[in-house]
N, C-alpha and C. Protein backbone atom coordinates (compact mmCIF):
# COMPACT_ATOMS: atom_id res chain seq x y z
N MET A 1 13.23 -11.16 4.72
CA MET A 1 11.94 -10.44 4.66
C MET A 1 10.88 -11.43 4.22
N LYS A 2 11.22 -12.41 3.31
CA LYS A 2 10.23 -13.34 2.86
C LYS A 2 9.81 -14.34 3.90
N GLN A 3 10.72 -14.62 4.80
CA GLN A 3 10.44 -15.62 5.97
C GLN A 3 9.54 -14.86 6.94
N LEU A 4 9.78 -13.60 7.20
CA LEU A 4 8.81 -12.76 8.03
C LEU A 4 7.41 -12.79 7.51
N TRP A 5 7.38 -12.55 6.20
CA TRP A 5 6.08 -12.52 5.51
C TRP A 5 5.22 -13.90 5.66
N HIS A 6 6.00 -14.96 5.46
CA HIS A 6 5.43 -16.31 5.66
C HIS A 6 4.98 -16.47 7.05
N LEU A 7 5.74 -16.04 8.00
CA LEU A 7 5.43 -16.10 9.48
C LEU A 7 4.09 -15.34 9.72
N ILE A 8 4.04 -14.08 9.24
CA ILE A 8 2.95 -13.29 9.50
C ILE A 8 1.65 -13.78 8.96
N THR A 9 1.70 -14.39 7.66
CA THR A 9 0.58 -14.91 7.02
C THR A 9 0.27 -16.35 7.19
N SER A 10 1.01 -16.93 8.22
CA SER A 10 0.83 -18.43 8.46
C SER A 10 -0.45 -18.74 9.19
N LEU A 11 -1.08 -19.92 8.95
CA LEU A 11 -2.18 -20.40 9.69
C LEU A 11 -1.75 -20.90 11.19
N LYS A 12 -0.44 -21.16 11.24
CA LYS A 12 0.11 -21.56 12.69
C LYS A 12 -0.06 -20.32 13.61
N LEU A 13 0.35 -19.12 13.11
CA LEU A 13 0.23 -17.90 13.91
C LEU A 13 -1.24 -17.68 14.27
N THR A 14 -2.23 -17.90 13.42
CA THR A 14 -3.61 -17.71 13.66
C THR A 14 -4.04 -18.68 14.77
N VAL A 15 -3.64 -19.88 14.71
CA VAL A 15 -4.03 -20.91 15.71
C VAL A 15 -3.44 -20.53 17.06
N VAL A 16 -2.11 -20.08 17.08
CA VAL A 16 -1.58 -19.75 18.27
C VAL A 16 -2.21 -18.48 18.95
N CYS A 17 -2.55 -17.48 18.11
CA CYS A 17 -3.23 -16.26 18.67
C CYS A 17 -4.62 -16.71 19.17
N LEU A 18 -5.30 -17.52 18.48
CA LEU A 18 -6.67 -18.02 18.92
C LEU A 18 -6.51 -18.91 20.25
N SER A 19 -5.53 -19.69 20.37
CA SER A 19 -5.25 -20.47 21.63
C SER A 19 -4.94 -19.55 22.68
N PHE A 20 -4.07 -18.54 22.55
CA PHE A 20 -3.81 -17.64 23.63
C PHE A 20 -4.95 -16.76 24.03
N SER A 21 -5.88 -16.50 23.08
CA SER A 21 -7.03 -15.67 23.44
C SER A 21 -7.99 -16.60 24.24
N MET A 22 -8.14 -17.86 24.02
CA MET A 22 -8.92 -18.69 24.78
C MET A 22 -8.29 -18.86 26.18
N LEU A 23 -6.99 -18.97 26.22
CA LEU A 23 -6.35 -19.04 27.51
C LEU A 23 -6.54 -17.83 28.46
N ILE A 24 -6.39 -16.60 27.73
CA ILE A 24 -6.61 -15.40 28.48
C ILE A 24 -8.03 -15.31 29.00
N VAL A 25 -9.04 -15.75 28.19
CA VAL A 25 -10.38 -15.61 28.64
C VAL A 25 -10.60 -16.65 29.83
N PHE A 26 -10.10 -17.85 29.65
CA PHE A 26 -10.30 -18.84 30.81
C PHE A 26 -9.60 -18.42 32.05
N VAL A 27 -8.31 -18.03 32.02
CA VAL A 27 -7.52 -17.55 33.17
C VAL A 27 -8.24 -16.25 33.80
N GLY A 28 -8.60 -15.35 32.80
CA GLY A 28 -9.17 -14.04 33.36
C GLY A 28 -10.49 -14.31 34.09
N THR A 29 -11.21 -15.28 33.50
CA THR A 29 -12.50 -15.64 34.18
C THR A 29 -12.32 -16.25 35.63
N LEU A 30 -11.36 -17.00 35.72
CA LEU A 30 -11.07 -17.61 37.00
C LEU A 30 -10.53 -16.53 38.04
N ALA A 31 -9.76 -15.58 37.55
CA ALA A 31 -9.10 -14.49 38.27
C ALA A 31 -10.22 -13.57 38.85
N GLN A 32 -11.32 -13.53 38.15
CA GLN A 32 -12.33 -12.52 38.60
C GLN A 32 -12.89 -12.83 39.97
N VAL A 33 -12.77 -14.07 40.39
CA VAL A 33 -13.36 -14.52 41.69
C VAL A 33 -12.59 -13.81 42.79
N GLU A 34 -11.31 -13.83 42.67
CA GLU A 34 -10.45 -13.09 43.79
C GLU A 34 -10.16 -11.66 43.56
N GLN A 35 -10.00 -11.18 42.31
CA GLN A 35 -9.53 -9.88 41.99
C GLN A 35 -10.63 -8.86 41.55
N GLY A 36 -11.85 -9.36 41.14
CA GLY A 36 -12.84 -8.51 40.72
C GLY A 36 -12.81 -8.23 39.29
N LEU A 37 -13.91 -7.83 38.70
CA LEU A 37 -14.08 -7.68 37.27
C LEU A 37 -13.11 -6.62 36.65
N TYR A 38 -13.20 -5.44 37.19
CA TYR A 38 -12.40 -4.29 36.56
C TYR A 38 -10.95 -4.46 36.67
N LEU A 39 -10.39 -4.98 37.80
CA LEU A 39 -8.96 -5.14 37.90
C LEU A 39 -8.49 -6.21 36.92
N VAL A 40 -9.38 -7.34 36.78
CA VAL A 40 -8.97 -8.40 35.81
C VAL A 40 -9.02 -7.85 34.33
N GLN A 41 -9.97 -7.04 34.08
CA GLN A 41 -9.98 -6.48 32.76
C GLN A 41 -8.77 -5.73 32.42
N ASP A 42 -8.33 -4.93 33.32
CA ASP A 42 -7.03 -4.11 33.20
C ASP A 42 -5.83 -5.04 33.10
N ARG A 43 -5.75 -6.05 33.91
CA ARG A 43 -4.56 -6.87 34.05
C ARG A 43 -4.40 -7.86 32.84
N TYR A 44 -5.57 -8.45 32.36
CA TYR A 44 -5.53 -9.46 31.42
C TYR A 44 -5.94 -9.06 29.98
N PHE A 45 -7.07 -8.36 29.97
CA PHE A 45 -7.58 -8.05 28.64
C PHE A 45 -7.12 -6.72 28.11
N LYS A 46 -6.79 -5.70 28.88
CA LYS A 46 -6.38 -4.36 28.43
C LYS A 46 -5.01 -4.17 28.66
N SER A 47 -4.13 -5.05 28.31
CA SER A 47 -2.68 -5.00 28.62
C SER A 47 -1.91 -5.80 27.40
N LEU A 48 -0.75 -5.36 27.25
CA LEU A 48 0.09 -6.10 26.27
C LEU A 48 0.64 -7.49 26.89
N PHE A 49 0.96 -7.44 28.17
CA PHE A 49 1.37 -8.68 28.80
C PHE A 49 0.64 -8.84 30.10
N VAL A 50 0.55 -10.12 30.63
CA VAL A 50 0.02 -10.37 31.93
C VAL A 50 1.27 -10.57 32.76
N PHE A 51 1.37 -9.82 33.82
CA PHE A 51 2.61 -9.94 34.68
C PHE A 51 2.32 -10.69 36.03
N TRP A 52 3.32 -11.28 36.50
CA TRP A 52 3.16 -11.92 37.84
C TRP A 52 4.38 -11.56 38.61
N GLY A 53 4.26 -11.49 39.96
CA GLY A 53 5.24 -11.13 40.95
C GLY A 53 4.85 -11.69 42.32
N PRO A 54 5.85 -12.07 43.07
CA PRO A 54 5.51 -12.55 44.40
C PRO A 54 4.97 -11.44 45.23
N GLU A 55 4.11 -11.92 46.21
CA GLU A 55 3.45 -10.94 47.05
C GLU A 55 4.44 -10.10 47.89
N GLY A 56 4.38 -8.84 48.03
CA GLY A 56 5.22 -8.00 48.79
C GLY A 56 6.53 -7.58 48.05
N SER A 57 6.72 -7.96 46.89
CA SER A 57 7.88 -7.54 46.11
C SER A 57 7.41 -6.58 45.09
N ASP A 58 8.48 -5.76 44.58
CA ASP A 58 8.17 -4.73 43.57
C ASP A 58 8.36 -5.22 42.15
N TRP A 59 9.08 -6.31 41.99
CA TRP A 59 9.41 -6.73 40.61
C TRP A 59 8.29 -7.75 40.16
N GLN A 60 8.03 -7.69 38.84
CA GLN A 60 7.04 -8.57 38.14
C GLN A 60 7.71 -9.03 36.83
N ILE A 61 7.25 -10.21 36.48
CA ILE A 61 7.75 -10.69 35.11
C ILE A 61 6.46 -11.04 34.27
N PRO A 62 6.64 -10.92 32.95
CA PRO A 62 5.59 -11.29 32.08
C PRO A 62 5.41 -12.81 31.92
N ILE A 63 4.24 -13.30 32.21
CA ILE A 63 4.00 -14.70 32.10
C ILE A 63 3.26 -15.26 30.88
N MET A 64 2.50 -14.25 30.19
CA MET A 64 1.84 -14.54 29.04
C MET A 64 1.43 -13.29 28.33
N PRO A 65 1.06 -13.33 27.05
CA PRO A 65 0.64 -12.12 26.38
C PRO A 65 -0.69 -11.69 26.91
N GLY A 66 -0.93 -10.39 26.78
CA GLY A 66 -2.24 -9.86 27.20
C GLY A 66 -3.26 -9.73 26.02
N GLY A 67 -4.41 -9.32 26.30
CA GLY A 67 -5.41 -9.30 25.27
C GLY A 67 -5.05 -8.32 24.20
N TYR A 68 -4.53 -7.12 24.45
CA TYR A 68 -4.14 -6.21 23.42
C TYR A 68 -3.13 -6.80 22.41
N LEU A 69 -2.05 -7.43 23.01
CA LEU A 69 -1.07 -8.05 22.09
C LEU A 69 -1.56 -9.15 21.22
N VAL A 70 -2.37 -9.99 21.79
CA VAL A 70 -3.01 -11.10 20.98
C VAL A 70 -3.96 -10.57 19.98
N GLY A 71 -4.73 -9.60 20.32
CA GLY A 71 -5.63 -9.00 19.35
C GLY A 71 -4.87 -8.29 18.16
N ILE A 72 -3.92 -7.58 18.45
CA ILE A 72 -3.19 -6.84 17.48
C ILE A 72 -2.49 -7.84 16.57
N LEU A 73 -1.85 -8.83 17.12
CA LEU A 73 -1.13 -9.83 16.31
C LEU A 73 -2.21 -10.67 15.36
N LEU A 74 -3.32 -11.00 15.96
CA LEU A 74 -4.34 -11.66 15.16
C LEU A 74 -4.88 -10.85 14.06
N MET A 75 -5.04 -9.53 14.29
CA MET A 75 -5.59 -8.61 13.31
C MET A 75 -4.60 -8.51 12.19
N ILE A 76 -3.19 -8.30 12.49
CA ILE A 76 -2.31 -8.23 11.47
C ILE A 76 -2.14 -9.47 10.67
N ASN A 77 -2.26 -10.62 11.44
CA ASN A 77 -2.17 -11.93 10.72
C ASN A 77 -3.31 -12.09 9.79
N LEU A 78 -4.48 -11.70 10.09
CA LEU A 78 -5.63 -12.07 9.33
C LEU A 78 -5.64 -11.13 8.08
N ILE A 79 -5.29 -9.86 8.24
CA ILE A 79 -5.19 -8.90 7.11
C ILE A 79 -4.08 -9.28 6.17
N ALA A 80 -2.85 -9.69 6.75
CA ALA A 80 -1.81 -10.09 5.85
C ALA A 80 -2.16 -11.39 5.17
N ALA A 81 -2.79 -12.39 5.76
CA ALA A 81 -3.18 -13.53 5.02
C ALA A 81 -4.16 -13.29 3.97
N PHE A 82 -5.11 -12.41 4.23
CA PHE A 82 -6.04 -11.97 3.14
C PHE A 82 -5.38 -11.33 1.97
N MET A 83 -4.40 -10.43 2.30
CA MET A 83 -3.75 -9.77 1.17
C MET A 83 -2.86 -10.79 0.36
N ALA A 84 -2.32 -11.77 1.03
CA ALA A 84 -1.45 -12.74 0.32
C ALA A 84 -2.17 -13.71 -0.39
N LYS A 85 -3.31 -14.23 0.13
CA LYS A 85 -4.00 -15.30 -0.49
C LYS A 85 -5.11 -15.01 -1.38
N PHE A 86 -5.70 -13.83 -1.21
CA PHE A 86 -6.79 -13.37 -2.08
C PHE A 86 -6.33 -12.67 -3.35
N LYS A 87 -6.66 -13.22 -4.51
CA LYS A 87 -6.14 -12.61 -5.69
C LYS A 87 -7.28 -11.91 -6.45
N TRP A 88 -7.06 -10.58 -6.71
CA TRP A 88 -8.05 -9.70 -7.38
C TRP A 88 -7.89 -9.99 -8.87
N THR A 89 -9.02 -10.27 -9.44
CA THR A 89 -9.15 -10.44 -10.90
C THR A 89 -10.34 -9.66 -11.43
N ARG A 90 -10.40 -9.44 -12.77
CA ARG A 90 -11.55 -8.60 -13.30
C ARG A 90 -12.88 -9.36 -13.04
N LYS A 91 -12.85 -10.73 -13.10
CA LYS A 91 -13.99 -11.49 -12.88
C LYS A 91 -14.56 -11.30 -11.48
N LYS A 92 -13.66 -11.29 -10.52
CA LYS A 92 -14.20 -11.01 -9.17
C LYS A 92 -14.56 -9.57 -8.92
N ASN A 93 -13.89 -8.66 -9.57
CA ASN A 93 -14.13 -7.31 -9.36
C ASN A 93 -15.46 -6.86 -9.90
N ARG A 94 -16.07 -7.52 -10.88
CA ARG A 94 -17.30 -7.09 -11.38
C ARG A 94 -18.46 -7.29 -10.35
N HIS A 95 -18.29 -8.19 -9.43
CA HIS A 95 -19.31 -8.34 -8.38
C HIS A 95 -19.31 -7.21 -7.39
N LEU A 96 -18.22 -6.43 -7.39
CA LEU A 96 -18.19 -5.28 -6.41
C LEU A 96 -18.90 -4.08 -6.98
N HIS A 97 -19.30 -4.04 -8.21
CA HIS A 97 -19.85 -2.88 -8.86
C HIS A 97 -21.36 -2.82 -8.44
N PHE A 98 -21.75 -1.82 -7.67
CA PHE A 98 -23.17 -1.72 -7.22
C PHE A 98 -23.84 -0.55 -8.01
N SER A 99 -24.93 -0.89 -8.64
CA SER A 99 -25.73 0.11 -9.25
C SER A 99 -27.15 -0.39 -9.24
N PRO A 100 -28.20 0.52 -9.04
CA PRO A 100 -29.59 0.02 -8.86
C PRO A 100 -30.08 -0.54 -10.20
N GLY A 101 -29.54 -0.14 -11.35
CA GLY A 101 -30.13 -0.67 -12.62
C GLY A 101 -29.66 -2.13 -12.99
N HIS A 102 -28.70 -2.56 -12.36
CA HIS A 102 -28.14 -4.06 -12.79
C HIS A 102 -28.73 -5.16 -11.98
N HIS A 103 -29.18 -4.85 -10.83
CA HIS A 103 -29.72 -5.97 -9.93
C HIS A 103 -31.20 -5.89 -9.74
N PRO A 104 -31.96 -6.97 -9.77
CA PRO A 104 -33.28 -6.90 -9.52
C PRO A 104 -33.64 -6.64 -8.01
N ALA A 105 -34.69 -6.10 -7.70
CA ALA A 105 -35.10 -5.80 -6.30
C ALA A 105 -35.28 -7.10 -5.58
N PRO A 106 -34.80 -7.15 -4.30
CA PRO A 106 -35.02 -8.35 -3.52
C PRO A 106 -36.57 -8.64 -3.24
N PRO A 107 -36.97 -9.90 -2.96
CA PRO A 107 -38.27 -10.12 -2.82
C PRO A 107 -38.95 -9.34 -1.64
N TRP A 108 -38.28 -8.99 -0.63
CA TRP A 108 -38.91 -8.30 0.45
C TRP A 108 -39.06 -6.83 0.15
N ALA A 109 -38.58 -6.35 -0.96
CA ALA A 109 -38.64 -4.90 -1.24
C ALA A 109 -39.76 -4.61 -2.29
N THR A 110 -40.63 -5.60 -2.57
CA THR A 110 -41.75 -5.38 -3.50
C THR A 110 -42.83 -4.41 -2.75
N SER A 111 -43.60 -3.82 -3.57
CA SER A 111 -44.62 -3.04 -3.06
C SER A 111 -45.73 -3.81 -2.38
N TYR A 112 -46.45 -3.19 -1.43
CA TYR A 112 -47.57 -3.87 -0.74
C TYR A 112 -48.77 -3.97 -1.67
N ARG A 113 -48.89 -3.13 -2.69
CA ARG A 113 -50.03 -3.26 -3.55
C ARG A 113 -50.12 -4.50 -4.30
N SER A 114 -48.94 -5.08 -4.69
CA SER A 114 -48.93 -6.27 -5.40
C SER A 114 -49.17 -7.48 -4.43
N ALA A 115 -48.97 -7.41 -3.20
CA ALA A 115 -49.15 -8.48 -2.27
C ALA A 115 -50.66 -8.41 -1.82
N PHE A 116 -51.34 -7.34 -1.80
CA PHE A 116 -52.75 -7.19 -1.38
C PHE A 116 -53.57 -6.58 -2.48
N PRO A 117 -54.24 -7.43 -3.30
CA PRO A 117 -55.14 -6.91 -4.32
C PRO A 117 -56.31 -6.05 -3.91
């Protein structure tokens, strides 16, 4: 279980997911010339896997992950890495307390009367 957690939170998985996303965008952009925009969106970006099969045959094999799979893995990886590496402390939590009485108004929120005498 610990090995799985290290795999999910690893930077290597982040790099692999980002590399696959660049590959999907590159290959999908080239495929739009012959297949059209909407067909490529369905085959490359809105799928778990990108499939290939010889013309005229009914069988297809997955050749690379699709946009949905890469996006889901990257989201899980980033959330898990945040949970594993970010440590909550009282000192950090005090900055999350928002109340109008503790913070001065930003400069752009001053009244116009003080700007124009």
